[in-house]
PDB file of N, CA and C in Angstrom:
ATOM      1  N   MET A   1     -24.738   9.222 -60.156  1.00  0.00           N
ATOM      2  CA  MET A   1     -23.965   8.722 -59.047  1.00  0.00           C
ATOM      3  C   MET A   1     -24.183   9.657 -57.848  1.00  0.00           C
ATOM      4  N   ARG A   2     -24.496   9.120 -56.683  1.00  0.00           N
ATOM      5  CA  ARG A   2     -24.756   9.918 -55.485  1.00  0.00           C
ATOM      6  C   ARG A   2     -23.452  10.189 -54.760  1.00  0.00           C
ATOM      7  N   THR A   3     -23.358  11.383 -54.170  1.00  0.00           N
ATOM      8  CA  THR A   3     -22.185  11.724 -53.376  1.00  0.00           C
ATOM      9  C   THR A   3     -22.612  11.989 -51.946  1.00  0.00           C
ATOM     10  N   ASP A   4     -21.638  11.988 -51.047  1.00  0.00           N
ATOM     11  CA  ASP A   4     -21.931  12.178 -49.631  1.00  0.00           C
ATOM     12  C   ASP A   4     -21.837  13.626 -49.185  1.00  0.00           C
ATOM     13  N   GLY A   5     -21.624  14.572 -50.091  1.00  0.00           N
ATOM     14  CA  GLY A   5     -21.517  15.978 -49.728  1.00  0.00           C
ATOM     15  C   GLY A   5     -20.090  16.406 -49.434  1.00  0.00           C
ATOM     16  N   ARG A   6     -19.180  15.463 -49.316  1.00  0.00           N
ATOM     17  CA  ARG A   6     -17.771  15.777 -49.067  1.00  0.00           C
ATOM     18  C   ARG A   6     -16.908  15.349 -50.247  1.00  0.00           C
ATOM     19  N   GLY A   7     -17.528  15.127 -51.379  1.00  0.00           N
ATOM     20  CA  GLY A   7     -16.768  14.761 -52.570  1.00  0.00           C
ATOM     21  C   GLY A   7     -16.581  13.271 -52.743  1.00  0.00           C
ATOM     22  N   GLY A   8     -17.063  12.450 -51.816  1.00  0.00           N
ATOM     23  CA  GLY A   8     -16.907  11.001 -51.926  1.00  0.00           C
ATOM     24  C   GLY A   8     -18.199  10.350 -52.369  1.00  0.00           C
ATOM     25  N   GLN A   9     -18.079   9.237 -53.019  1.00  0.00           N
ATOM     26  CA  GLN A   9     -19.256   8.519 -53.463  1.00  0.00           C
ATOM     27  C   GLN A   9     -19.803   7.688 -52.315  1.00  0.00           C
ATOM     28  N   ILE A  10     -21.124   7.625 -52.227  1.00  0.00           N
ATOM     29  CA  ILE A  10     -21.762   6.809 -51.206  1.00  0.00           C
ATOM     30  C   ILE A  10     -21.500   5.342 -51.538  1.00  0.00           C
ATOM     31  N   GLY A  11     -20.958   4.613 -50.583  1.00  0.00           N
ATOM     32  CA  GLY A  11     -20.667   3.194 -50.775  1.00  0.00           C
ATOM     33  C   GLY A  11     -19.352   2.925 -51.473  1.00  0.00           C
ATOM     34  N   SER A  12     -18.546   3.946 -51.678  1.00  0.00           N
ATOM     35  CA  SER A  12     -17.268   3.734 -52.352  1.00  0.00           C
ATOM     36  C   SER A  12     -16.325   2.988 -51.412  1.00  0.00           C
ATOM     37  N   PRO A  13     -15.376   2.235 -51.981  1.00  0.00           N
ATOM     38  CA  PRO A  13     -14.433   1.490 -51.133  1.00  0.00           C
ATOM     39  C   PRO A  13     -13.621   2.389 -50.210  1.00  0.00           C
ATOM     40  N   ASP A  14     -13.245   3.582 -50.688  1.00  0.00           N
ATOM     41  CA  ASP A  14     -12.476   4.484 -49.828  1.00  0.00           C
ATOM     42  C   ASP A  14     -13.291   4.941 -48.627  1.00  0.00           C
ATOM     43  N   ARG A  15     -14.542   5.234 -48.846  1.00  0.00           N
ATOM     44  CA  ARG A  15     -15.396   5.683 -47.744  1.00  0.00           C
ATOM     45  C   ARG A  15     -15.629   4.548 -46.742  1.00  0.00           C
ATOM     46  N   ILE A  16     -15.795   3.346 -47.239  1.00  0.00           N
ATOM     47  CA  ILE A  16     -15.995   2.194 -46.358  1.00  0.00           C
ATOM     48  C   ILE A  16     -14.735   1.944 -45.533  1.00  0.00           C
ATOM     49  N   ARG A  17     -13.552   2.011 -46.172  1.00  0.00           N
ATOM     50  CA  ARG A  17     -12.297   1.835 -45.432  1.00  0.00           C
ATOM     51  C   ARG A  17     -12.136   2.893 -44.352  1.00  0.00           C
ATOM     52  N   ARG A  18     -12.466   4.146 -44.707  1.00  0.00           N
ATOM     53  CA  ARG A  18     -12.348   5.240 -43.742  1.00  0.00           C
ATOM     54  C   ARG A  18     -13.288   5.014 -42.548  1.00  0.00           C
ATOM     55  N   ALA A  19     -14.513   4.576 -42.809  1.00  0.00           N
ATOM     56  CA  ALA A  19     -15.469   4.316 -41.727  1.00  0.00           C
ATOM     57  C   ALA A  19     -14.993   3.168 -40.838  1.00  0.00           C
ATOM     58  N   LEU A  20     -14.453   2.116 -41.442  1.00  0.00           N
ATOM     59  CA  LEU A  20     -13.950   0.988 -40.657  1.00  0.00           C
ATOM     60  C   LEU A  20     -12.744   1.400 -39.820  1.00  0.00           C
ATOM     61  N   ARG A  21     -11.859   2.229 -40.374  1.00  0.00           N
ATOM     62  CA  ARG A  21     -10.693   2.707 -39.642  1.00  0.00           C
ATOM     63  C   ARG A  21     -11.132   3.559 -38.441  1.00  0.00           C
ATOM     64  N   GLN A  22     -12.122   4.406 -38.642  1.00  0.00           N
ATOM     65  CA  GLN A  22     -12.623   5.221 -37.535  1.00  0.00           C
ATOM     66  C   GLN A  22     -13.220   4.348 -36.439  1.00  0.00           C
ATOM     67  N   GLU A  23     -13.928   3.303 -36.821  1.00  0.00           N
ATOM     68  CA  GLU A  23     -14.515   2.398 -35.835  1.00  0.00           C
ATOM     69  C   GLU A  23     -13.432   1.661 -35.053  1.00  0.00           C
ATOM     70  N   ARG A  24     -12.365   1.212 -35.744  1.00  0.00           N
ATOM     71  CA  ARG A  24     -11.255   0.555 -35.053  1.00  0.00           C
ATOM     72  C   ARG A  24     -10.563   1.507 -34.084  1.00  0.00           C
ATOM     73  N   ASP A  25     -10.373   2.756 -34.511  1.00  0.00           N
ATOM     74  CA  ASP A  25      -9.740   3.744 -33.633  1.00  0.00           C
ATOM     75  C   ASP A  25     -10.591   3.995 -32.394  1.00  0.00           C
ATOM     76  N   LEU A  26     -11.891   4.095 -32.580  1.00  0.00           N
ATOM     77  CA  LEU A  26     -12.794   4.316 -31.451  1.00  0.00           C
ATOM     78  C   LEU A  26     -12.752   3.132 -30.482  1.00  0.00           C
ATOM     79  N   GLU A  27     -12.757   1.920 -31.015  1.00  0.00           N
ATOM     80  CA  GLU A  27     -12.691   0.723 -30.167  1.00  0.00           C
ATOM     81  C   GLU A  27     -11.361   0.655 -29.428  1.00  0.00           C
ATOM     82  N   SER A  28     -10.292   1.032 -30.091  1.00  0.00           N
ATOM     83  CA  SER A  28      -8.973   1.037 -29.448  1.00  0.00           C
ATOM     84  C   SER A  28      -8.945   2.034 -28.295  1.00  0.00           C
ATOM     85  N   ARG A  29      -9.530   3.209 -28.482  1.00  0.00           N
ATOM     86  CA  ARG A  29      -9.569   4.198 -27.394  1.00  0.00           C
ATOM     87  C   ARG A  29     -10.399   3.687 -26.220  1.00  0.00           C
ATOM     88  N   ARG A  30     -11.501   3.009 -26.503  1.00  0.00           N
ATOM     89  CA  ARG A  30     -12.317   2.440 -25.420  1.00  0.00           C
ATOM     90  C   ARG A  30     -11.522   1.411 -24.625  1.00  0.00           C
ATOM     91  N   MET A  31     -10.780   0.570 -25.329  1.00  0.00           N
ATOM     92  CA  MET A  31      -9.990  -0.452 -24.655  1.00  0.00           C
ATOM     93  C   MET A  31      -8.934   0.195 -23.765  1.00  0.00           C
ATOM     94  N   TRP A  32      -8.232   1.195 -24.273  1.00  0.00           N
ATOM     95  CA  TRP A  32      -7.178   1.822 -23.481  1.00  0.00           C
ATOM     96  C   TRP A  32      -7.738   2.619 -22.322  1.00  0.00           C
ATOM     97  N   ARG A  33      -8.947   3.158 -22.444  1.00  0.00           N
ATOM     98  CA  ARG A  33      -9.559   3.852 -21.316  1.00  0.00           C
ATOM     99  C   ARG A  33      -9.780   2.871 -20.170  1.00  0.00           C
ATOM    100  N   GLY A  34     -10.212   1.674 -20.481  1.00  0.00           N
ATOM    101  CA  GLY A  34     -10.385   0.654 -19.453  1.00  0.00           C
ATOM    102  C   GLY A  34      -9.066   0.250 -18.826  1.00  0.00           C
ATOM    103  N   MET A  35      -8.009   0.201 -19.630  1.00  0.00           N
ATOM    104  CA  MET A  35      -6.691  -0.122 -19.092  1.00  0.00           C
ATOM    105  C   MET A  35      -6.220   0.963 -18.134  1.00  0.00           C
ATOM    106  N   GLY A  36      -6.502   2.212 -18.463  1.00  0.00           N
ATOM    107  CA  GLY A  36      -6.132   3.311 -17.580  1.00  0.00           C
ATOM    108  C   GLY A  36      -6.834   3.230 -16.241  1.00  0.00           C
ATOM    109  N   GLU A  37      -8.110   2.872 -16.277  1.00  0.00           N
ATOM    110  CA  GLU A  37      -8.854   2.721 -15.024  1.00  0.00           C
ATOM    111  C   GLU A  37      -8.300   1.564 -14.197  1.00  0.00           C
ATOM    112  N   ALA A  38      -7.898   0.496 -14.856  1.00  0.00           N
ATOM    113  CA  ALA A  38      -7.324  -0.648 -14.130  1.00  0.00           C
ATOM    114  C   ALA A  38      -5.997  -0.262 -13.478  1.00  0.00           C
ATOM    115  N   TRP A  39      -5.142   0.455 -14.211  1.00  0.00           N
ATOM    116  CA  TRP A  39      -3.874   0.892 -13.629  1.00  0.00           C
ATOM    117  C   TRP A  39      -4.103   1.874 -12.483  1.00  0.00           C
ATOM    118  N   ASN A  40      -5.114   2.715 -12.628  1.00  0.00           N
ATOM    119  CA  ASN A  40      -5.446   3.650 -11.556  1.00  0.00           C
ATOM    120  C   ASN A  40      -5.866   2.897 -10.298  1.00  0.00           C
ATOM    121  N   ALA A  41      -6.692   1.869 -10.453  1.00  0.00           N
ATOM    122  CA  ALA A  41      -7.131   1.073  -9.299  1.00  0.00           C
ATOM    123  C   ALA A  41      -5.946   0.346  -8.664  1.00  0.00           C
ATOM    124  N   LEU A  42      -5.078  -0.222  -9.482  1.00  0.00           N
ATOM    125  CA  LEU A  42      -3.901  -0.915  -8.950  1.00  0.00           C
ATOM    126  C   LEU A  42      -2.995   0.050  -8.191  1.00  0.00           C
ATOM    127  N   GLY A  43      -2.780   1.230  -8.752  1.00  0.00           N
ATOM    128  CA  GLY A  43      -1.960   2.228  -8.077  1.00  0.00           C
ATOM    129  C   GLY A  43      -2.559   2.678  -6.758  1.00  0.00           C
ATOM    130  N   THR A  44      -3.893   2.781  -6.712  1.00  0.00           N
ATOM    131  CA  THR A  44      -4.555   3.158  -5.470  1.00  0.00           C
ATOM    132  C   THR A  44      -4.347   2.095  -4.396  1.00  0.00           C
ATOM    133  N   ILE A  45      -4.473   0.830  -4.772  1.00  0.00           N
ATOM    134  CA  ILE A  45      -4.291  -0.247  -3.792  1.00  0.00           C
ATOM    135  C   ILE A  45      -2.838  -0.303  -3.307  1.00  0.00           C
ATOM    136  N   VAL A  46      -1.887  -0.283  -4.242  1.00  0.00           N
ATOM    137  CA  VAL A  46      -0.477  -0.357  -3.854  1.00  0.00           C
ATOM    138  C   VAL A  46      -0.088   0.862  -3.021  1.00  0.00           C
ATOM    139  N   GLY A  47      -0.558   2.040  -3.440  1.00  0.00           N
ATOM    140  CA  GLY A  47      -0.241   3.254  -2.691  1.00  0.00           C
ATOM    141  C   GLY A  47      -0.821   3.245  -1.289  1.00  0.00           C
ATOM    142  N   GLY A  48      -2.062   2.795  -1.160  1.00  0.00           N
ATOM    143  CA  GLY A  48      -2.684   2.739   0.163  1.00  0.00           C
ATOM    144  C   GLY A  48      -1.958   1.787   1.093  1.00  0.00           C
ATOM    145  N   ILE A  49      -1.593   0.631   0.573  1.00  0.00           N
ATOM    146  CA  ILE A  49      -0.867  -0.341   1.393  1.00  0.00           C
ATOM    147  C   ILE A  49       0.501   0.210   1.777  1.00  0.00           C
ATOM    148  N   ALA A  50       1.196   0.841   0.810  1.00  0.00           N
ATOM    149  CA  ALA A  50       2.543   1.360   1.092  1.00  0.00           C
ATOM    150  C   ALA A  50       2.498   2.507   2.105  1.00  0.00           C
ATOM    151  N   ILE A  51       1.570   3.432   1.933  1.00  0.00           N
ATOM    152  CA  ILE A  51       1.508   4.588   2.838  1.00  0.00           C
ATOM    153  C   ILE A  51       1.132   4.147   4.253  1.00  0.00           C
ATOM    154  N   TRP A  52       0.036   3.420   4.382  1.00  0.00           N
ATOM    155  CA  TRP A  52      -0.414   3.033   5.723  1.00  0.00           C
ATOM    156  C   TRP A  52       0.495   1.984   6.346  1.00  0.00           C
ATOM    157  N   GLY A  53       1.061   1.105   5.528  1.00  0.00           N
ATOM    158  CA  GLY A  53       2.057   0.170   6.055  1.00  0.00           C
ATOM    159  C   GLY A  53       3.281   0.904   6.559  1.00  0.00           C
ATOM    160  N   GLY A  54       3.709   1.949   5.824  1.00  0.00           N
ATOM    161  CA  GLY A  54       4.843   2.759   6.262  1.00  0.00           C
ATOM    162  C   GLY A  54       4.552   3.509   7.548  1.00  0.00           C
ATOM    163  N   VAL A  55       3.337   4.022   7.677  1.00  0.00           N
ATOM    164  CA  VAL A  55       2.953   4.700   8.927  1.00  0.00           C
ATOM    165  C   VAL A  55       2.995   3.710  10.088  1.00  0.00           C
ATOM    166  N   GLY A  56       2.437   2.531   9.880  1.00  0.00           N
ATOM    167  CA  GLY A  56       2.458   1.507  10.930  1.00  0.00           C
ATOM    168  C   GLY A  56       3.871   1.078  11.274  1.00  0.00           C
ATOM    169  N   TYR A  57       4.728   0.947  10.261  1.00  0.00           N
ATOM    170  CA  TYR A  57       6.117   0.561  10.501  1.00  0.00           C
ATOM    171  C   TYR A  57       6.846   1.641  11.303  1.00  0.00           C
ATOM    172  N   GLY A  58       6.608   2.900  10.946  1.00  0.00           N
ATOM    173  CA  GLY A  58       7.257   3.996  11.668  1.00  0.00           C
ATOM    174  C   GLY A  58       6.831   4.056  13.127  1.00  0.00           C
ATOM    175  N   ILE A  59       5.543   3.884  13.368  1.00  0.00           N
ATOM    176  CA  ILE A  59       5.060   3.896  14.752  1.00  0.00           C
ATOM    177  C   ILE A  59       5.587   2.675  15.498  1.00  0.00           C
ATOM    178  N   ASP A  60       5.658   1.530  14.801  1.00  0.00           N
ATOM    179  CA  ASP A  60       6.240   0.326  15.414  1.00  0.00           C
ATOM    180  C   ASP A  60       7.680   0.572  15.856  1.00  0.00           C
ATOM    181  N   ARG A  61       8.462   1.266  15.038  1.00  0.00           N
ATOM    182  CA  ARG A  61       9.860   1.551  15.392  1.00  0.00           C
ATOM    183  C   ARG A  61       9.938   2.468  16.607  1.00  0.00           C
ATOM    184  N   LEU A  62       9.009   3.430  16.694  1.00  0.00           N
ATOM    185  CA  LEU A  62       9.020   4.361  17.825  1.00  0.00           C
ATOM    186  C   LEU A  62       8.575   3.689  19.118  1.00  0.00           C
ATOM    187  N   VAL A  63       7.536   2.870  19.011  1.00  0.00           N
ATOM    188  CA  VAL A  63       6.937   2.260  20.205  1.00  0.00           C
ATOM    189  C   VAL A  63       7.652   0.973  20.592  1.00  0.00           C
ATOM    190  N   GLY A  64       8.155   0.227  19.620  1.00  0.00           N
ATOM    191  CA  GLY A  64       8.851  -1.015  19.910  1.00  0.00           C
ATOM    192  C   GLY A  64       7.968  -2.246  19.795  1.00  0.00           C
ATOM    193  N   THR A  65       6.837  -2.153  19.131  1.00  0.00           N
ATOM    194  CA  THR A  65       5.942  -3.296  18.935  1.00  0.00           C
ATOM    195  C   THR A  65       6.082  -3.787  17.501  1.00  0.00           C
ATOM    196  N   LYS A  66       7.213  -4.351  17.181  1.00  0.00           N
ATOM    197  CA  LYS A  66       7.645  -4.591  15.805  1.00  0.00           C
ATOM    198  C   LYS A  66       6.560  -4.923  14.780  1.00  0.00           C
ATOM    199  N   PRO A  67       5.967  -6.082  14.688  1.00  0.00           N
ATOM    200  CA  PRO A  67       5.125  -6.304  13.511  1.00  0.00           C
ATOM    201  C   PRO A  67       3.661  -5.892  13.683  1.00  0.00           C
ATOM    202  N   VAL A  68       3.244  -5.551  14.886  1.00  0.00           N
ATOM    203  CA  VAL A  68       1.808  -5.387  15.150  1.00  0.00           C
ATOM    204  C   VAL A  68       1.214  -4.222  14.373  1.00  0.00           C
ATOM    205  N   LEU A  69       1.725  -3.022  14.561  1.00  0.00           N
ATOM    206  CA  LEU A  69       1.144  -1.856  13.917  1.00  0.00           C
ATOM    207  C   LEU A  69       1.424  -1.820  12.414  1.00  0.00           C
ATOM    208  N   PHE A  70       2.510  -2.443  11.994  1.00  0.00           N
ATOM    209  CA  PHE A  70       2.778  -2.562  10.556  1.00  0.00           C
ATOM    210  C   PHE A  70       1.675  -3.376   9.883  1.00  0.00           C
ATOM    211  N   VAL A  71       1.318  -4.507  10.468  1.00  0.00           N
ATOM    212  CA  VAL A  71       0.267  -5.358   9.907  1.00  0.00           C
ATOM    213  C   VAL A  71      -1.069  -4.618   9.923  1.00  0.00           C
ATOM    214  N   ILE A  72      -1.354  -3.928  11.023  1.00  0.00           N
ATOM    215  CA  ILE A  72      -2.602  -3.158  11.097  1.00  0.00           C
ATOM    216  C   ILE A  72      -2.603  -2.060  10.030  1.00  0.00           C
ATOM    217  N   GLY A  73      -1.478  -1.387   9.823  1.00  0.00           N
ATOM    218  CA  GLY A  73      -1.382  -0.352   8.798  1.00  0.00           C
ATOM    219  C   GLY A  73      -1.594  -0.897   7.395  1.00  0.00           C
ATOM    220  N   VAL A  74      -1.014  -2.062   7.120  1.00  0.00           N
ATOM    221  CA  VAL A  74      -1.207  -2.688   5.809  1.00  0.00           C
ATOM    222  C   VAL A  74      -2.677  -3.033   5.595  1.00  0.00           C
ATOM    223  N   LEU A  75      -3.327  -3.586   6.610  1.00  0.00           N
ATOM    224  CA  LEU A  75      -4.746  -3.934   6.485  1.00  0.00           C
ATOM    225  C   LEU A  75      -5.612  -2.691   6.317  1.00  0.00           C
ATOM    226  N   VAL A  76      -5.337  -1.650   7.094  1.00  0.00           N
ATOM    227  CA  VAL A  76      -6.098  -0.408   6.966  1.00  0.00           C
ATOM    228  C   VAL A  76      -5.903   0.186   5.572  1.00  0.00           C
ATOM    229  N   GLY A  77      -4.666   0.205   5.083  1.00  0.00           N
ATOM    230  CA  GLY A  77      -4.396   0.721   3.746  1.00  0.00           C
ATOM    231  C   GLY A  77      -5.099  -0.072   2.660  1.00  0.00           C
ATOM    232  N   ASN A  78      -5.126  -1.382   2.814  1.00  0.00           N
ATOM    233  CA  ASN A  78      -5.797  -2.238   1.841  1.00  0.00           C
ATOM    234  C   ASN A  78      -7.291  -1.955   1.811  1.00  0.00           C
ATOM    235  N   PHE A  79      -7.940  -1.967   2.955  1.00  0.00           N
ATOM    236  CA  PHE A  79      -9.382  -1.748   2.991  1.00  0.00           C
ATOM    237  C   PHE A  79      -9.753  -0.323   2.619  1.00  0.00           C
ATOM    238  N   ALA A  80      -8.945   0.651   3.010  1.00  0.00           N
ATOM    239  CA  ALA A  80      -9.230   2.040   2.647  1.00  0.00           C
ATOM    240  C   ALA A  80      -9.112   2.239   1.138  1.00  0.00           C
ATOM    241  N   SER A  81      -8.122   1.636   0.512  1.00  0.00           N
ATOM    242  CA  SER A  81      -7.967   1.804  -0.928  1.00  0.00           C
ATOM    243  C   SER A  81      -9.076   1.081  -1.695  1.00  0.00           C
ATOM    244  N   ILE A  82      -9.499  -0.074  -1.217  1.00  0.00           N
ATOM    245  CA  ILE A  82     -10.622  -0.758  -1.854  1.00  0.00           C
ATOM    246  C   ILE A  82     -11.892   0.080  -1.722  1.00  0.00           C
ATOM    247  N   TYR A  83     -12.081   0.721  -0.574  1.00  0.00           N
ATOM    248  CA  TYR A  83     -13.235   1.594  -0.392  1.00  0.00           C
ATOM    249  C   TYR A  83     -13.155   2.789  -1.351  1.00  0.00           C
ATOM    250  N   LEU A  84     -11.974   3.366  -1.527  1.00  0.00           N
ATOM    251  CA  LEU A  84     -11.829   4.490  -2.457  1.00  0.00           C
ATOM    252  C   LEU A  84     -12.151   4.070  -3.892  1.00  0.00           C
ATOM    253  N   ILE A  85     -11.736   2.878  -4.273  1.00  0.00           N
ATOM    254  CA  ILE A  85     -12.055   2.383  -5.613  1.00  0.00           C
ATOM    255  C   ILE A  85     -13.557   2.188  -5.754  1.00  0.00           C
ATOM    256  N   TYR A  86     -14.193   1.663  -4.731  1.00  0.00           N
ATOM    257  CA  TYR A  86     -15.646   1.490  -4.753  1.00  0.00           C
ATOM    258  C   TYR A  86     -16.338   2.828  -4.929  1.00  0.00           C
ATOM    259  N   VAL A  87     -15.911   3.829  -4.172  1.00  0.00           N
ATOM    260  CA  VAL A  87     -16.538   5.148  -4.255  1.00  0.00           C
ATOM    261  C   VAL A  87     -16.337   5.744  -5.645  1.00  0.00           C
ATOM    262  N   LYS A  88     -15.162   5.587  -6.211  1.00  0.00           N
ATOM    263  CA  LYS A  88     -14.866   6.208  -7.496  1.00  0.00           C
ATOM    264  C   LYS A  88     -15.585   5.536  -8.656  1.00  0.00           C
ATOM    265  N   TYR A  89     -15.654   4.223  -8.673  1.00  0.00           N
ATOM    266  CA  TYR A  89     -16.144   3.523  -9.856  1.00  0.00           C
ATOM    267  C   TYR A  89     -17.522   2.877  -9.705  1.00  0.00           C
ATOM    268  N   PHE A  90     -17.962   2.553  -8.499  1.00  0.00           N
ATOM    269  CA  PHE A  90     -19.172   1.751  -8.373  1.00  0.00           C
ATOM    270  C   PHE A  90     -20.301   2.396  -7.578  1.00  0.00           C
ATOM    271  N   ARG A  91     -20.057   3.434  -6.828  1.00  0.00           N
ATOM    272  CA  ARG A  91     -21.078   3.982  -5.953  1.00  0.00           C
ATOM    273  C   ARG A  91     -22.245   4.578  -6.719  1.00  0.00           C
ATOM    274  N   ASP A  92     -22.018   5.276  -7.805  1.00  0.00           N
ATOM    275  CA  ASP A  92     -23.075   5.984  -8.510  1.00  0.00           C
ATOM    276  C   ASP A  92     -23.730   5.174  -9.615  1.00  0.00           C
ATOM    277  N   VAL A  93     -23.490   3.889  -9.661  1.00  0.00           N
ATOM    278  CA  VAL A  93     -24.131   3.049 -10.665  1.00  0.00           C
ATOM    279  C   VAL A  93     -25.564   2.798 -10.208  1.00  0.00           C
ATOM    280  N   PRO A  94     -26.564   3.224 -11.000  1.00  0.00           N
ATOM    281  CA  PRO A  94     -27.951   3.050 -10.561  1.00  0.00           C
ATOM    282  C   PRO A  94     -28.365   1.584 -10.545  1.00  0.00           C
ATOM    283  N   ASN A  95     -29.219   1.264  -9.600  1.00  0.00           N
ATOM    284  CA  ASN A  95     -29.747  -0.085  -9.481  1.00  0.00           C
ATOM    285  C   ASN A  95     -31.169  -0.080 -10.016  1.00  0.00           C
ATOM    286  N   PRO A  96     -31.434  -0.763 -11.134  1.00  0.00           N
ATOM    287  CA  PRO A  96     -32.780  -0.722 -11.717  1.00  0.00           C
ATOM    288  C   PRO A  96     -33.833  -1.377 -10.829  1.00  0.00           C
ATOM    289  N   ALA A  97     -33.429  -2.221  -9.899  1.00  0.00           N
ATOM    290  CA  ALA A  97     -34.406  -2.887  -9.034  1.00  0.00           C
ATOM    291  C   ALA A  97     -34.936  -1.950  -7.951  1.00  0.00           C
ATOM    292  N   THR A  98     -34.163  -0.915  -7.582  1.00  0.00           N
ATOM    293  CA  THR A  98     -34.593   0.009  -6.533  1.00  0.00           C
ATOM    294  C   THR A  98     -34.391   1.450  -6.990  1.00  0.00           C
ATOM    295  N   PRO A  99     -35.184   1.929  -7.954  1.00  0.00           N
ATOM    296  CA  PRO A  99     -34.960   3.283  -8.474  1.00  0.00           C
ATOM    297  C   PRO A  99     -35.229   4.373  -7.441  1.00  0.00           C
ATOM    298  N   TRP A 100     -36.043   4.115  -6.438  1.00  0.00           N
ATOM    299  CA  TRP A 100     -36.353   5.141  -5.439  1.00  0.00           C
ATOM    300  C   TRP A 100     -35.159   5.436  -4.546  1.00  0.00           C
ATOM    301  N   LEU A 101     -34.200   4.509  -4.480  1.00  0.00           N
ATOM    302  CA  LEU A 101     -33.009   4.748  -3.670  1.00  0.00           C
ATOM    303  C   LEU A 101     -31.955   5.558  -4.412  1.00  0.00           C
ATOM    304  N   ASP A 102     -32.093   5.686  -5.737  1.00  0.00           N
ATOM    305  CA  ASP A 102     -31.083   6.351  -6.539  1.00  0.00           C
ATOM    306  C   ASP A 102     -31.288   7.852  -6.661  1.00  0.00           C
ATOM    307  N   ALA A 103     -32.436   8.375  -6.201  1.00  0.00           N
ATOM    308  CA  ALA A 103     -32.699   9.806  -6.316  1.00  0.00           C
ATOM    309  C   ALA A 103     -31.799  10.568  -5.349  1.00  0.00           C
ATOM    310  N   PRO A 104     -31.203  11.677  -5.803  1.00  0.00           N
ATOM    311  CA  PRO A 104     -30.373  12.473  -4.901  1.00  0.00           C
ATOM    312  C   PRO A 104     -31.190  13.064  -3.761  1.00  0.00           C
ATOM    313  N   ASN A 105     -30.532  13.477  -2.704  1.00  0.00           N
ATOM    314  CA  ASN A 105     -31.225  14.047  -1.553  1.00  0.00           C
ATOM    315  C   ASN A 105     -32.038  15.256  -1.972  1.00  0.00           C
ATOM    316  N   GLY A 106     -33.293  15.288  -1.570  1.00  0.00           N
ATOM    317  CA  GLY A 106     -34.163  16.410  -1.856  1.00  0.00           C
ATOM    318  C   GLY A 106     -34.829  16.337  -3.220  1.00  0.00           C
ATOM    319  N   ALA A 107     -34.389  15.460  -4.094  1.00  0.00           N
ATOM    320  CA  ALA A 107     -34.999  15.352  -5.414  1.00  0.00           C
ATOM    321  C   ALA A 107     -36.177  14.393  -5.345  1.00  0.00           C
ATOM    322  N   PRO A 108     -37.193  14.638  -6.139  1.00  0.00           N
ATOM    323  CA  PRO A 108     -38.314  13.686  -6.149  1.00  0.00           C
ATOM    324  C   PRO A 108     -37.855  12.343  -6.687  1.00  0.00           C
ATOM    325  N   SER A 109     -38.319  11.306  -6.059  1.00  0.00           N
ATOM    326  CA  SER A 109     -37.900   9.965  -6.491  1.00  0.00           C
ATOM    327  C   SER A 109     -38.707   9.542  -7.695  1.00  0.00           C
ATOM    328  N   ARG A 110     -38.205   8.533  -8.386  1.00  0.00           N
ATOM    329  CA  ARG A 110     -38.883   7.997  -9.573  1.00  0.00           C
ATOM    330  C   ARG A 110     -39.746   6.810  -9.152  1.00  0.00           C
ATOM    331  N   GLY A 111     -40.688   7.070  -8.337  1.00  0.00           N
ATOM    332  CA  GLY A 111     -41.495   5.985  -7.795  1.00  0.00           C
ATOM    333  C   GLY A 111     -41.066   5.713  -6.375  1.00  0.00           C
ATOM    334  N   GLY A 112     -41.749   4.890  -5.705  1.00  0.00           N
ATOM    335  CA  GLY A 112     -41.408   4.594  -4.331  1.00  0.00           C
ATOM    336  C   GLY A 112     -41.305   3.109  -4.112  1.00  0.00           C
ATOM    337  N   PRO A 113     -40.939   2.733  -2.915  1.00  0.00           N
ATOM    338  CA  PRO A 113     -40.867   1.297  -2.631  1.00  0.00           C
ATOM    339  C   PRO A 113     -42.271   0.703  -2.667  1.00  0.00           C
ATOM    340  N   PRO A 114     -42.352  -0.581  -2.914  1.00  0.00           N
ATOM    341  CA  PRO A 114     -43.678  -1.221  -2.896  1.00  0.00           C
ATOM    342  C   PRO A 114     -44.330  -1.050  -1.536  1.00  0.00           C
ATOM    343  N   ASP A 115     -45.631  -0.796  -1.548  1.00  0.00           N
ATOM    344  CA  ASP A 115     -46.376  -0.621  -0.296  1.00  0.00           C
ATOM    345  C   ASP A 115     -46.447  -1.942   0.445  1.00  0.00           C
ATOM    346  N   ALA A 116     -46.264  -1.849   1.757  1.00  0.00           N
ATOM    347  CA  ALA A 116     -46.309  -3.057   2.590  1.00  0.00           C
ATOM    348  C   ALA A 116     -47.747  -3.450   2.906  1.00  0.00           C
ATOM    349  N   SER A 117     -48.674  -2.556   2.676  1.00  0.00           N
ATOM    350  CA  SER A 117     -50.064  -2.871   3.029  1.00  0.00           C
ATOM    351  C   SER A 117     -50.748  -3.711   2.006  1.00  0.00           C
TER     352      SER A 117
END
């Protein structure tokens, strides 16, 4: 009978159950990591809108232009937070169609653009 070096038999039901449990735990952690990123993105959007909307509302109260700067603040907060999410999660994703654009500044590129000639 073959053993796995840790006292368990290769192909034993206990070892198979343990491997399946580890795989389920790993999949569960992957799922929750994605949920954390989603909550982070939602918090960034809500926070950006609340902060910049509040700034616009405060300036509106001081100046007397009631809804104008509040609306501008909400829009600025919305677009700024979407830009922050883009920078955090999507900016560094390499594009396989244009590998020469993905090289960092000063680093040799992995090929160049197709020659126009």
